[in-house]
C-alpha atoms as a PDB file:
ATOM      1  CA  UNK A   1      25.664 -52.846  29.142  1.00  0.00           C
ATOM      2  CA  UNK A   2      29.176 -52.177  27.799  1.00  0.00           C
ATOM      3  CA  UNK A   3      31.177 -49.008  28.489  1.00  0.00           C
ATOM      4  CA  UNK A   4      30.478 -47.511  25.028  1.00  0.00           C
ATOM      5  CA  UNK A   5      26.718 -47.849  25.488  1.00  0.00           C
ATOM      6  CA  UNK A   6      26.897 -46.390  28.982  1.00  0.00           C
ATOM      7  CA  UNK A   7      28.859 -43.394  27.737  1.00  0.00           C
ATOM      8  CA  UNK A   8      26.407 -42.756  24.860  1.00  0.00           C
ATOM      9  CA  UNK A   9      23.367 -42.917  27.167  1.00  0.00           C
ATOM     10  CA  UNK A  10      22.919 -39.582  28.923  1.00  0.00           C
ATOM     11  CA  UNK A  11      20.542 -39.809  31.882  1.00  0.00           C
ATOM     12  CA  UNK A  12      21.220 -36.304  33.223  1.00  0.00           C
ATOM     13  CA  UNK A  13      18.352 -33.875  33.876  1.00  0.00           C
ATOM     14  CA  UNK A  14      17.173 -31.875  30.876  1.00  0.00           C
ATOM     15  CA  UNK A  15      18.393 -28.334  31.417  1.00  0.00           C
ATOM     16  CA  UNK A  16      17.014 -26.513  28.355  1.00  0.00           C
ATOM     17  CA  UNK A  17      14.517 -23.699  28.804  1.00  0.00           C
ATOM     18  CA  UNK A  18      10.996 -25.075  28.233  1.00  0.00           C
ATOM     19  CA  UNK A  19       9.054 -23.502  25.391  1.00  0.00           C
ATOM     20  CA  UNK A  20       5.355 -22.951  25.787  1.00  0.00           C
ATOM     21  CA  UNK A  21       2.221 -22.854  23.696  1.00  0.00           C
ATOM     22  CA  UNK A  22       3.152 -19.668  21.840  1.00  0.00           C
ATOM     23  CA  UNK A  23       6.324 -21.277  20.482  1.00  0.00           C
ATOM     24  CA  UNK A  24       4.427 -24.293  19.143  1.00  0.00           C
ATOM     25  CA  UNK A  25       1.928 -22.074  17.363  1.00  0.00           C
ATOM     26  CA  UNK A  26       4.610 -19.783  15.998  1.00  0.00           C
ATOM     27  CA  UNK A  27       6.543 -22.805  14.702  1.00  0.00           C
ATOM     28  CA  UNK A  28       3.539 -23.773  12.535  1.00  0.00           C
ATOM     29  CA  UNK A  29       3.158 -20.220  11.228  1.00  0.00           C
ATOM     30  CA  UNK A  30       6.859 -19.753  10.537  1.00  0.00           C
ATOM     31  CA  UNK A  31       7.237 -23.069   8.722  1.00  0.00           C
ATOM     32  CA  UNK A  32       4.190 -22.476   6.528  1.00  0.00           C
ATOM     33  CA  UNK A  33       5.239 -18.952   5.553  1.00  0.00           C
ATOM     34  CA  UNK A  34       8.830 -19.990   4.865  1.00  0.00           C
ATOM     35  CA  UNK A  35       7.702 -22.727   2.502  1.00  0.00           C
ATOM     36  CA  UNK A  36       5.404 -20.314   0.672  1.00  0.00           C
ATOM     37  CA  UNK A  37       7.880 -17.433   0.439  1.00  0.00           C
ATOM     38  CA  UNK A  38      10.460 -19.697  -1.213  1.00  0.00           C
ATOM     39  CA  UNK A  39       8.236 -20.147  -4.285  1.00  0.00           C
ATOM     40  CA  UNK A  40       8.805 -17.869  -7.285  1.00  0.00           C
ATOM     41  CA  UNK A  41       5.079 -17.329  -7.727  1.00  0.00           C
ATOM     42  CA  UNK A  42       4.633 -15.878  -4.246  1.00  0.00           C
ATOM     43  CA  UNK A  43       7.717 -13.697  -4.703  1.00  0.00           C
ATOM     44  CA  UNK A  44       6.076 -12.308  -7.826  1.00  0.00           C
ATOM     45  CA  UNK A  45       2.866 -11.623  -5.875  1.00  0.00           C
ATOM     46  CA  UNK A  46       4.899  -9.832  -3.204  1.00  0.00           C
ATOM     47  CA  UNK A  47       6.575  -7.630  -5.799  1.00  0.00           C
ATOM     48  CA  UNK A  48       3.181  -6.659  -7.259  1.00  0.00           C
ATOM     49  CA  UNK A  49       1.676  -6.058  -3.801  1.00  0.00           C
ATOM     50  CA  UNK A  50       4.451  -3.799  -2.577  1.00  0.00           C
ATOM     51  CA  UNK A  51       4.596  -1.976  -5.908  1.00  0.00           C
ATOM     52  CA  UNK A  52       0.911  -1.177  -5.319  1.00  0.00           C
ATOM     53  CA  UNK A  53       1.782   0.070  -1.839  1.00  0.00           C
ATOM     54  CA  UNK A  54       4.398   2.326  -3.391  1.00  0.00           C
ATOM     55  CA  UNK A  55       1.781   3.622  -5.820  1.00  0.00           C
ATOM     56  CA  UNK A  56      -0.437   4.561  -2.852  1.00  0.00           C
ATOM     57  CA  UNK A  57       2.458   6.572  -1.447  1.00  0.00           C
ATOM     58  CA  UNK A  58       3.110   8.227  -4.829  1.00  0.00           C
ATOM     59  CA  UNK A  59      -0.577   9.057  -5.328  1.00  0.00           C
ATOM     60  CA  UNK A  60      -0.881  10.497  -1.830  1.00  0.00           C
ATOM     61  CA  UNK A  61       2.318  12.516  -2.227  1.00  0.00           C
ATOM     62  CA  UNK A  62       1.283  13.822  -5.636  1.00  0.00           C
ATOM     63  CA  UNK A  63      -2.135  14.834  -4.331  1.00  0.00           C
ATOM     64  CA  UNK A  64      -0.630  16.604  -1.308  1.00  0.00           C
ATOM     65  CA  UNK A  65       1.350  18.810  -3.700  1.00  0.00           C
ATOM     66  CA  UNK A  66      -1.917  20.526  -4.606  1.00  0.00           C
ATOM     67  CA  UNK A  67      -1.480  22.650  -1.475  1.00  0.00           C
ATOM     68  CA  UNK A  68       2.277  23.115  -1.746  1.00  0.00           C
ATOM     69  CA  UNK A  69       3.127  26.629  -2.870  1.00  0.00           C
ATOM     70  CA  UNK A  70       6.077  26.443  -5.213  1.00  0.00           C
ATOM     71  CA  UNK A  71       5.917  22.646  -5.379  1.00  0.00           C
ATOM     72  CA  UNK A  72       6.680  20.572  -8.421  1.00  0.00           C
ATOM     73  CA  UNK A  73       3.007  20.341  -9.394  1.00  0.00           C
ATOM     74  CA  UNK A  74       2.642  24.115  -9.470  1.00  0.00           C
ATOM     75  CA  UNK A  75       5.869  24.486 -11.433  1.00  0.00           C
ATOM     76  CA  UNK A  76       4.662  21.871 -13.912  1.00  0.00           C
ATOM     77  CA  UNK A  77       1.387  23.756 -14.365  1.00  0.00           C
ATOM     78  CA  UNK A  78       3.266  26.992 -15.021  1.00  0.00           C
ATOM     79  CA  UNK A  79       5.401  25.292 -17.668  1.00  0.00           C
ATOM     80  CA  UNK A  80       2.399  23.773 -19.431  1.00  0.00           C
ATOM     81  CA  UNK A  81       0.563  27.042 -19.826  1.00  0.00           C
ATOM     82  CA  UNK A  82      -2.173  29.355 -18.506  1.00  0.00           C
ATOM     83  CA  UNK A  83      -4.934  26.731 -18.715  1.00  0.00           C
ATOM     84  CA  UNK A  84      -3.012  24.240 -16.598  1.00  0.00           C
ATOM     85  CA  UNK A  85      -2.082  27.009 -14.156  1.00  0.00           C
ATOM     86  CA  UNK A  86      -5.748  27.991 -13.806  1.00  0.00           C
ATOM     87  CA  UNK A  87      -6.717  24.355 -13.263  1.00  0.00           C
ATOM     88  CA  UNK A  88      -4.089  24.061 -10.547  1.00  0.00           C
ATOM     89  CA  UNK A  89      -5.426  27.198  -8.864  1.00  0.00           C
ATOM     90  CA  UNK A  90      -8.962  25.787  -8.878  1.00  0.00           C
ATOM     91  CA  UNK A  91      -7.769  22.475  -7.449  1.00  0.00           C
ATOM     92  CA  UNK A  92      -5.819  24.243  -4.724  1.00  0.00           C
ATOM     93  CA  UNK A  93      -8.857  26.311  -3.796  1.00  0.00           C
ATOM     94  CA  UNK A  94     -11.163  23.291  -3.631  1.00  0.00           C
ATOM     95  CA  UNK A  95      -8.774  21.365  -1.392  1.00  0.00           C
ATOM     96  CA  UNK A  96      -8.242  24.379   0.866  1.00  0.00           C
ATOM     97  CA  UNK A  97     -11.971  25.160   1.275  1.00  0.00           C
ATOM     98  CA  UNK A  98     -13.405  21.619   1.254  1.00  0.00           C
ATOM     99  CA  UNK A  99     -10.743  19.267   2.649  1.00  0.00           C
ATOM    100  CA  UNK A 100     -13.391  17.104   4.321  1.00  0.00           C
ATOM    101  CA  UNK A 101     -14.897  16.355   0.896  1.00  0.00           C
ATOM    102  CA  UNK A 102     -11.915  16.449  -1.471  1.00  0.00           C
ATOM    103  CA  UNK A 103      -9.226  14.792   0.663  1.00  0.00           C
ATOM    104  CA  UNK A 104     -11.669  12.290   2.151  1.00  0.00           C
ATOM    105  CA  UNK A 105     -13.057  11.471  -1.288  1.00  0.00           C
ATOM    106  CA  UNK A 106      -9.708  11.083  -3.029  1.00  0.00           C
ATOM    107  CA  UNK A 107      -8.274   8.754  -0.386  1.00  0.00           C
ATOM    108  CA  UNK A 108     -11.532   6.792  -0.295  1.00  0.00           C
ATOM    109  CA  UNK A 109     -11.142   6.235  -4.028  1.00  0.00           C
ATOM    110  CA  UNK A 110      -7.463   5.268  -3.632  1.00  0.00           C
ATOM    111  CA  UNK A 111      -8.118   2.722  -0.870  1.00  0.00           C
ATOM    112  CA  UNK A 112     -11.265   1.409  -2.615  1.00  0.00           C
ATOM    113  CA  UNK A 113      -9.242   0.753  -5.773  1.00  0.00           C
ATOM    114  CA  UNK A 114      -6.430  -0.887  -3.811  1.00  0.00           C
ATOM    115  CA  UNK A 115      -8.893  -3.239  -2.094  1.00  0.00           C
ATOM    116  CA  UNK A 116      -9.603  -4.928  -5.445  1.00  0.00           C
ATOM    117  CA  UNK A 117      -5.923  -5.657  -6.032  1.00  0.00           C
ATOM    118  CA  UNK A 118      -5.305  -6.662  -2.410  1.00  0.00           C
ATOM    119  CA  UNK A 119      -8.183  -9.147  -2.422  1.00  0.00           C
ATOM    120  CA  UNK A 120      -7.212 -10.532  -5.819  1.00  0.00           C
ATOM    121  CA  UNK A 121      -3.581 -11.060  -4.778  1.00  0.00           C
ATOM    122  CA  UNK A 122      -4.707 -12.698  -1.533  1.00  0.00           C
ATOM    123  CA  UNK A 123      -6.942 -15.146  -3.390  1.00  0.00           C
ATOM    124  CA  UNK A 124      -4.132 -15.980  -5.804  1.00  0.00           C
ATOM    125  CA  UNK A 125      -1.750 -16.632  -2.919  1.00  0.00           C
ATOM    126  CA  UNK A 126      -4.325 -18.820  -1.178  1.00  0.00           C
ATOM    127  CA  UNK A 127      -4.758 -20.848  -4.361  1.00  0.00           C
ATOM    128  CA  UNK A 128      -1.191 -22.031  -3.808  1.00  0.00           C
ATOM    129  CA  UNK A 129      -1.523 -22.216  -0.028  1.00  0.00           C
ATOM    130  CA  UNK A 130      -4.835 -24.082   0.347  1.00  0.00           C
ATOM    131  CA  UNK A 131      -3.455 -27.516  -0.678  1.00  0.00           C
ATOM    132  CA  UNK A 132      -0.624 -27.053   1.836  1.00  0.00           C
ATOM    133  CA  UNK A 133      -2.708 -26.060   4.855  1.00  0.00           C
ATOM    134  CA  UNK A 134      -4.475 -29.261   5.918  1.00  0.00           C
ATOM    135  CA  UNK A 135      -4.774 -31.373   2.754  1.00  0.00           C
ATOM    136  CA  UNK A 136      -1.128 -32.386   2.798  1.00  0.00           C
ATOM    137  CA  UNK A 137      -1.210 -33.206   6.522  1.00  0.00           C
ATOM    138  CA  UNK A 138      -4.256 -35.442   6.025  1.00  0.00           C
ATOM    139  CA  UNK A 139      -2.910 -37.117   2.908  1.00  0.00           C
ATOM    140  CA  UNK A 140       0.432 -38.000   4.512  1.00  0.00           C
ATOM    141  CA  UNK A 141      -1.150 -38.912   7.887  1.00  0.00           C
ATOM    142  CA  UNK A 142       1.041 -36.236   9.463  1.00  0.00           C
ATOM    143  CA  UNK A 143      -2.028 -34.951  11.292  1.00  0.00           C
ATOM    144  CA  UNK A 144      -1.983 -38.087  13.468  1.00  0.00           C
ATOM    145  CA  UNK A 145       1.629 -37.408  14.433  1.00  0.00           C
ATOM    146  CA  UNK A 146       0.985 -33.731  15.123  1.00  0.00           C
ATOM    147  CA  UNK A 147      -1.994 -34.312  17.400  1.00  0.00           C
ATOM    148  CA  UNK A 148      -0.304 -37.213  19.220  1.00  0.00           C
ATOM    149  CA  UNK A 149       2.379 -34.817  20.444  1.00  0.00           C
ATOM    150  CA  UNK A 150       1.765 -32.013  22.958  1.00  0.00           C
ATOM    151  CA  UNK A 151      -0.035 -30.120  20.204  1.00  0.00           C
ATOM    152  CA  UNK A 152      -3.729 -29.496  20.694  1.00  0.00           C
ATOM    153  CA  UNK A 153      -6.360 -28.903  18.039  1.00  0.00           C
ATOM    154  CA  UNK A 154      -6.437 -25.254  19.122  1.00  0.00           C
ATOM    155  CA  UNK A 155      -2.680 -24.950  18.566  1.00  0.00           C
ATOM    156  CA  UNK A 156      -3.048 -26.477  15.117  1.00  0.00           C
ATOM    157  CA  UNK A 157      -5.983 -24.202  14.211  1.00  0.00           C
ATOM    158  CA  UNK A 158      -4.279 -21.032  15.442  1.00  0.00           C
ATOM    159  CA  UNK A 159      -1.079 -21.968  13.639  1.00  0.00           C
ATOM    160  CA  UNK A 160      -2.871 -22.497  10.320  1.00  0.00           C
ATOM    161  CA  UNK A 161      -4.862 -19.285  10.787  1.00  0.00           C
ATOM    162  CA  UNK A 162      -1.598 -17.511  11.509  1.00  0.00           C
ATOM    163  CA  UNK A 163      -0.254 -18.601   8.127  1.00  0.00           C
ATOM    164  CA  UNK A 164      -3.279 -17.108   6.355  1.00  0.00           C
ATOM    165  CA  UNK A 165      -3.040 -13.892   8.386  1.00  0.00           C
ATOM    166  CA  UNK A 166       0.653 -13.661   7.522  1.00  0.00           C
ATOM    167  CA  UNK A 167      -0.096 -14.020   3.817  1.00  0.00           C
ATOM    168  CA  UNK A 168      -2.740 -11.273   3.870  1.00  0.00           C
ATOM    169  CA  UNK A 169      -0.486  -8.965   5.873  1.00  0.00           C
ATOM    170  CA  UNK A 170       2.303  -9.443   3.337  1.00  0.00           C
ATOM    171  CA  UNK A 171       0.221  -8.879   0.202  1.00  0.00           C
ATOM    172  CA  UNK A 172      -2.586  -6.569   1.401  1.00  0.00           C
ATOM    173  CA  UNK A 173      -2.486  -4.980   4.871  1.00  0.00           C
ATOM    174  CA  UNK A 174       1.247  -4.247   4.918  1.00  0.00           C
ATOM    175  CA  UNK A 175       1.413  -2.427   1.563  1.00  0.00           C
ATOM    176  CA  UNK A 176      -1.749  -0.489   2.462  1.00  0.00           C
ATOM    177  CA  UNK A 177      -0.402   0.793   5.788  1.00  0.00           C
ATOM    178  CA  UNK A 178       3.126   1.470   4.543  1.00  0.00           C
ATOM    179  CA  UNK A 179       1.819   3.301   1.478  1.00  0.00           C
ATOM    180  CA  UNK A 180      -0.389   5.546   3.620  1.00  0.00           C
ATOM    181  CA  UNK A 181       2.368   6.215   6.138  1.00  0.00           C
ATOM    182  CA  UNK A 182       4.863   7.166   3.424  1.00  0.00           C
ATOM    183  CA  UNK A 183       2.365   9.509   1.783  1.00  0.00           C
ATOM    184  CA  UNK A 184       1.671  11.167   5.134  1.00  0.00           C
ATOM    185  CA  UNK A 185       5.374  11.621   5.901  1.00  0.00           C
ATOM    186  CA  UNK A 186       5.637  13.962   2.917  1.00  0.00           C
ATOM    187  CA  UNK A 187       2.211  15.575   3.278  1.00  0.00           C
ATOM    188  CA  UNK A 188       2.287  19.353   3.049  1.00  0.00           C
ATOM    189  CA  UNK A 189      -0.679  19.965   5.366  1.00  0.00           C
ATOM    190  CA  UNK A 190      -2.143  18.234   8.411  1.00  0.00           C
ATOM    191  CA  UNK A 191      -5.539  18.147   6.676  1.00  0.00           C
ATOM    192  CA  UNK A 192      -4.263  15.237   4.609  1.00  0.00           C
ATOM    193  CA  UNK A 193      -3.597  13.233   7.768  1.00  0.00           C
ATOM    194  CA  UNK A 194      -6.865  14.191   9.448  1.00  0.00           C
ATOM    195  CA  UNK A 195      -9.201  13.574   6.507  1.00  0.00           C
ATOM    196  CA  UNK A 196      -7.436  10.495   5.128  1.00  0.00           C
ATOM    197  CA  UNK A 197      -7.556   8.649   8.464  1.00  0.00           C
ATOM    198  CA  UNK A 198     -11.259   7.739   8.281  1.00  0.00           C
ATOM    199  CA  UNK A 199     -10.875   6.183   4.792  1.00  0.00           C
ATOM    200  CA  UNK A 200      -7.866   4.259   6.111  1.00  0.00           C
ATOM    201  CA  UNK A 201      -9.944   2.857   8.994  1.00  0.00           C
ATOM    202  CA  UNK A 202     -12.647   1.819   6.542  1.00  0.00           C
ATOM    203  CA  UNK A 203     -10.029   0.112   4.383  1.00  0.00           C
ATOM    204  CA  UNK A 204      -8.715  -1.777   7.419  1.00  0.00           C
ATOM    205  CA  UNK A 205     -12.269  -2.731   8.415  1.00  0.00           C
ATOM    206  CA  UNK A 206     -12.926  -4.266   5.019  1.00  0.00           C
ATOM    207  CA  UNK A 207      -9.525  -5.929   5.185  1.00  0.00           C
ATOM    208  CA  UNK A 208     -10.500  -7.524   8.495  1.00  0.00           C
ATOM    209  CA  UNK A 209     -13.886  -8.714   7.216  1.00  0.00           C
ATOM    210  CA  UNK A 210     -12.253 -10.233   4.148  1.00  0.00           C
ATOM    211  CA  UNK A 211      -9.587 -11.870   6.319  1.00  0.00           C
ATOM    212  CA  UNK A 212     -12.126 -13.614   8.559  1.00  0.00           C
ATOM    213  CA  UNK A 213     -14.225 -14.705   5.595  1.00  0.00           C
ATOM    214  CA  UNK A 214     -11.561 -16.112   3.309  1.00  0.00           C
ATOM    215  CA  UNK A 215      -9.536 -17.592   6.171  1.00  0.00           C
ATOM    216  CA  UNK A 216     -12.439 -19.768   7.344  1.00  0.00           C
ATOM    217  CA  UNK A 217     -13.319 -20.715   3.759  1.00  0.00           C
ATOM    218  CA  UNK A 218      -9.701 -21.613   2.972  1.00  0.00           C
ATOM    219  CA  UNK A 219      -9.447 -23.826   6.069  1.00  0.00           C
ATOM    220  CA  UNK A 220     -12.706 -25.582   5.235  1.00  0.00           C
ATOM    221  CA  UNK A 221     -11.736 -26.188   1.612  1.00  0.00           C
ATOM    222  CA  UNK A 222      -8.295 -27.411   2.588  1.00  0.00           C
ATOM    223  CA  UNK A 223      -9.836 -29.929   4.994  1.00  0.00           C
ATOM    224  CA  UNK A 224     -12.352 -31.512   2.620  1.00  0.00           C
ATOM    225  CA  UNK A 225      -9.977 -33.977   0.992  1.00  0.00           C
ATOM    226  CA  UNK A 226      -6.613 -35.693   1.086  1.00  0.00           C
ATOM    227  CA  UNK A 227      -5.621 -34.874  -2.493  1.00  0.00           C
ATOM    228  CA  UNK A 228      -4.277 -31.401  -3.413  1.00  0.00           C
ATOM    229  CA  UNK A 229      -5.976 -31.579  -6.813  1.00  0.00           C
ATOM    230  CA  UNK A 230      -9.401 -31.885  -5.182  1.00  0.00           C
ATOM    231  CA  UNK A 231      -8.944 -28.936  -2.834  1.00  0.00           C
ATOM    232  CA  UNK A 232      -7.491 -26.750  -5.590  1.00  0.00           C
ATOM    233  CA  UNK A 233     -10.469 -27.437  -7.866  1.00  0.00           C
ATOM    234  CA  UNK A 234     -12.910 -26.798  -5.012  1.00  0.00           C
ATOM    235  CA  UNK A 235     -11.211 -23.484  -4.188  1.00  0.00           C
ATOM    236  CA  UNK A 236     -11.228 -22.332  -7.822  1.00  0.00           C
ATOM    237  CA  UNK A 237     -14.893 -23.285  -8.169  1.00  0.00           C
ATOM    238  CA  UNK A 238     -15.887 -21.274  -5.115  1.00  0.00           C
ATOM    239  CA  UNK A 239     -13.802 -18.326  -6.229  1.00  0.00           C
ATOM    240  CA  UNK A 240     -14.033 -18.167 -10.029  1.00  0.00           C
ATOM    241  CA  UNK A 241     -16.932 -20.347 -11.200  1.00  0.00           C
ATOM    242  CA  UNK A 242     -19.433 -19.116  -8.616  1.00  0.00           C
ATOM    243  CA  UNK A 243     -18.108 -15.587  -9.066  1.00  0.00           C
ATOM    244  CA  UNK A 244     -18.868 -15.713 -12.801  1.00  0.00           C
ATOM    245  CA  UNK A 245     -22.318 -17.159 -12.113  1.00  0.00           C
ATOM    246  CA  UNK A 246     -23.101 -14.295  -9.699  1.00  0.00           C
ATOM    247  CA  UNK A 247     -21.744 -11.503 -11.923  1.00  0.00           C
ATOM    248  CA  UNK A 248     -24.799 -10.875 -14.186  1.00  0.00           C
ATOM    249  CA  UNK A 249     -26.954  -8.073 -12.732  1.00  0.00           C
ATOM    250  CA  UNK A 250     -30.117 -10.161 -13.112  1.00  0.00           C
ATOM    251  CA  UNK A 251     -28.704 -13.288 -11.483  1.00  0.00           C
ATOM    252  CA  UNK A 252     -30.996 -14.691  -8.751  1.00  0.00           C
ATOM    253  CA  UNK A 253     -30.117 -13.685  -5.213  1.00  0.00           C
ATOM    254  CA  UNK A 254     -29.515 -17.278  -4.125  1.00  0.00           C
ATOM    255  CA  UNK A 255     -26.838 -17.628  -6.810  1.00  0.00           C
ATOM    256  CA  UNK A 256     -25.224 -14.378  -5.721  1.00  0.00           C
ATOM    257  CA  UNK A 257     -25.081 -15.643  -2.144  1.00  0.00           C
ATOM    258  CA  UNK A 258     -23.159 -18.719  -3.376  1.00  0.00           C
ATOM    259  CA  UNK A 259     -20.247 -16.483  -4.395  1.00  0.00           C
ATOM    260  CA  UNK A 260     -18.174 -15.251  -1.483  1.00  0.00           C
ATOM    261  CA  UNK A 261     -16.364 -12.803  -3.789  1.00  0.00           C
ATOM    262  CA  UNK A 262     -19.702 -11.244  -4.796  1.00  0.00           C
ATOM    263  CA  UNK A 263     -20.679 -11.018  -1.121  1.00  0.00           C
ATOM    264  CA  UNK A 264     -17.379  -9.308  -0.343  1.00  0.00           C
ATOM    265  CA  UNK A 265     -17.991  -6.872  -3.201  1.00  0.00           C
ATOM    266  CA  UNK A 266     -21.300  -5.875  -1.606  1.00  0.00           C
ATOM    267  CA  UNK A 267     -19.601  -5.434   1.766  1.00  0.00           C
ATOM    268  CA  UNK A 268     -16.869  -3.358   0.099  1.00  0.00           C
ATOM    269  CA  UNK A 269     -19.410  -0.885  -1.260  1.00  0.00           C
ATOM    270  CA  UNK A 270     -21.065  -0.554   2.138  1.00  0.00           C
ATOM    271  CA  UNK A 271     -17.838  -0.187   4.134  1.00  0.00           C
ATOM    272  CA  UNK A 272     -16.026   2.310   1.909  1.00  0.00           C
ATOM    273  CA  UNK A 273     -19.168   4.371   1.159  1.00  0.00           C
ATOM    274  CA  UNK A 274     -17.747   5.545  -2.136  1.00  0.00           C
ATOM    275  CA  UNK A 275     -21.294   6.424  -3.171  1.00  0.00           C
ATOM    276  CA  UNK A 276     -21.533   8.985  -0.357  1.00  0.00           C
ATOM    277  CA  UNK A 277     -18.143  10.471  -1.222  1.00  0.00           C
ATOM    278  CA  UNK A 278     -19.151  10.952  -4.867  1.00  0.00           C
ATOM    279  CA  UNK A 279     -22.617  12.251  -4.016  1.00  0.00           C
ATOM    280  CA  UNK A 280     -21.212  14.764  -1.504  1.00  0.00           C
ATOM    281  CA  UNK A 281     -18.719  15.994  -4.083  1.00  0.00           C
ATOM    282  CA  UNK A 282     -21.472  16.479  -6.647  1.00  0.00           C
ATOM    283  CA  UNK A 283     -23.781  18.261  -4.189  1.00  0.00           C
ATOM    284  CA  UNK A 284     -21.398  20.459  -2.205  1.00  0.00           C
ATOM    285  CA  UNK A 285     -18.449  21.354  -4.420  1.00  0.00           C
ATOM    286  CA  UNK A 286     -18.919  24.540  -6.497  1.00  0.00           C
ATOM    287  CA  UNK A 287     -18.496  22.809  -9.841  1.00  0.00           C
ATOM    288  CA  UNK A 288     -19.533  24.747 -12.947  1.00  0.00           C
ATOM    289  CA  UNK A 289     -19.537  21.817 -15.352  1.00  0.00           C
ATOM    290  CA  UNK A 290     -22.994  20.335 -14.850  1.00  0.00           C
ATOM    291  CA  UNK A 291     -22.144  17.387 -17.048  1.00  0.00           C
ATOM    292  CA  UNK A 292     -19.326  16.482 -14.661  1.00  0.00           C
ATOM    293  CA  UNK A 293     -21.709  16.878 -11.714  1.00  0.00           C
ATOM    294  CA  UNK A 294     -24.150  14.529 -13.383  1.00  0.00           C
ATOM    295  CA  UNK A 295     -21.393  11.992 -13.955  1.00  0.00           C
ATOM    296  CA  UNK A 296     -20.472  12.130 -10.259  1.00  0.00           C
ATOM    297  CA  UNK A 297     -24.093  11.572  -9.241  1.00  0.00           C
ATOM    298  CA  UNK A 298     -24.461   8.641 -11.637  1.00  0.00           C
ATOM    299  CA  UNK A 299     -21.213   7.090 -10.401  1.00  0.00           C
ATOM    300  CA  UNK A 300     -22.393   7.519  -6.804  1.00  0.00           C
ATOM    301  CA  UNK A 301     -25.646   5.666  -7.503  1.00  0.00           C
ATOM    302  CA  UNK A 302     -23.769   2.899  -9.287  1.00  0.00           C
ATOM    303  CA  UNK A 303     -21.430   2.451  -6.296  1.00  0.00           C
ATOM    304  CA  UNK A 304     -24.282   1.907  -3.814  1.00  0.00           C
ATOM    305  CA  UNK A 305     -24.545  -1.437  -2.044  1.00  0.00           C
ATOM    306  CA  UNK A 306     -27.770  -3.225  -3.001  1.00  0.00           C
ATOM    307  CA  UNK A 307     -28.025  -6.116  -0.519  1.00  0.00           C
ATOM    308  CA  UNK A 308     -25.389  -5.860   2.189  1.00  0.00           C
ATOM    309  CA  UNK A 309     -27.477  -7.797   4.730  1.00  0.00           C
ATOM    310  CA  UNK A 310     -27.823 -10.712   2.324  1.00  0.00           C
ATOM    311  CA  UNK A 311     -24.087 -10.557   1.617  1.00  0.00           C
ATOM    312  CA  UNK A 312     -23.224 -10.674   5.324  1.00  0.00           C
ATOM    313  CA  UNK A 313     -25.625 -13.578   5.781  1.00  0.00           C
ATOM    314  CA  UNK A 314     -23.970 -15.429   2.910  1.00  0.00           C
ATOM    315  CA  UNK A 315     -20.495 -14.861   4.361  1.00  0.00           C
ATOM    316  CA  UNK A 316     -21.755 -16.050   7.742  1.00  0.00           C
ATOM    317  CA  UNK A 317     -23.073 -19.270   6.204  1.00  0.00           C
ATOM    318  CA  UNK A 318     -19.722 -19.809   4.500  1.00  0.00           C
ATOM    319  CA  UNK A 319     -17.883 -19.266   7.798  1.00  0.00           C
ATOM    320  CA  UNK A 320     -20.107 -21.632   9.788  1.00  0.00           C
ATOM    321  CA  UNK A 321     -20.058 -24.339   7.117  1.00  0.00           C
ATOM    322  CA  UNK A 322     -16.296 -24.120   6.632  1.00  0.00           C
ATOM    323  CA  UNK A 323     -15.686 -24.242  10.381  1.00  0.00           C
ATOM    324  CA  UNK A 324     -17.879 -27.337  10.679  1.00  0.00           C
ATOM    325  CA  UNK A 325     -15.936 -29.094   7.911  1.00  0.00           C
ATOM    326  CA  UNK A 326     -12.610 -28.109   9.430  1.00  0.00           C
ATOM    327  CA  UNK A 327     -13.362 -29.380  12.930  1.00  0.00           C
ATOM    328  CA  UNK A 328     -15.020 -32.512  11.556  1.00  0.00           C
ATOM    329  CA  UNK A 329     -12.020 -33.418   9.411  1.00  0.00           C
ATOM    330  CA  UNK A 330      -9.491 -32.428  12.045  1.00  0.00           C
ATOM    331  CA  UNK A 331     -10.053 -35.674  13.878  1.00  0.00           C
ATOM    332  CA  UNK A 332      -7.291 -38.167  13.081  1.00  0.00           C
ATOM    333  CA  UNK A 333      -8.496 -40.967  10.839  1.00  0.00           C
END
């Protein structure tokens, strides 16, 4: 061996700080999210998601002004005229006497509405992400390299799940929490914090159920093939085609169970209990307009969940089947 080769060969002990399992998993999550965030499409989704979070804050702040004496809402009512001023007085009285119904009901409606946008944005983001999760690793044989290193199947699974969790936090959970927190910072009465907290917990519960469901489905779909075109088509079929098939009211139950979005819609109605909020408002608030009361009762009946047990069973089948496909295809070929 010549002197140049001897000088270039360093046989000294490695002195760097060893990095453990958490670093390996975080490296997968960080890399996946960085690649996704660089795309213009995902930046657009982020702008829409956080604009929706801002709208939650604006709606909560505007509603809290109903109890603010001398606030901008009262001043606006005075400027409009006696009818608007009387309407503001009635609204103030209802919120003051029935905060458990009015505040709870309004925030239930706000979070229920936001759940549609949050789920829709999450599914759009996953449409771009699904071909990048496992499909690309299988198609390029990178999976063999990954699992031949000190990277276990559990590390790989947790890393890929972390990417999906990160996406949903960015486009759904984050805007929801930040919007609520901002609205509560400017709340004029503690009743808004107390009676909006239960709807927030219900919103987070549905968020968690949706996360588990679509994360397992996305991993299973991403693992079924080596070509991104195949996994994208499979994802769109499960989401859109089966969703359209399950949308008619008279569609057979077995077709409805084939649509995970329809199953999540059933779970949404059961978790948020918007039907109870509307029915309680119609029954307990001293409303003089009987036509409006009838509309509330009709809306409450329409918002009832019809087959939540079947929907949960369908989501469970999706989760088990997707997990089986994922672990079956995870083996290097």
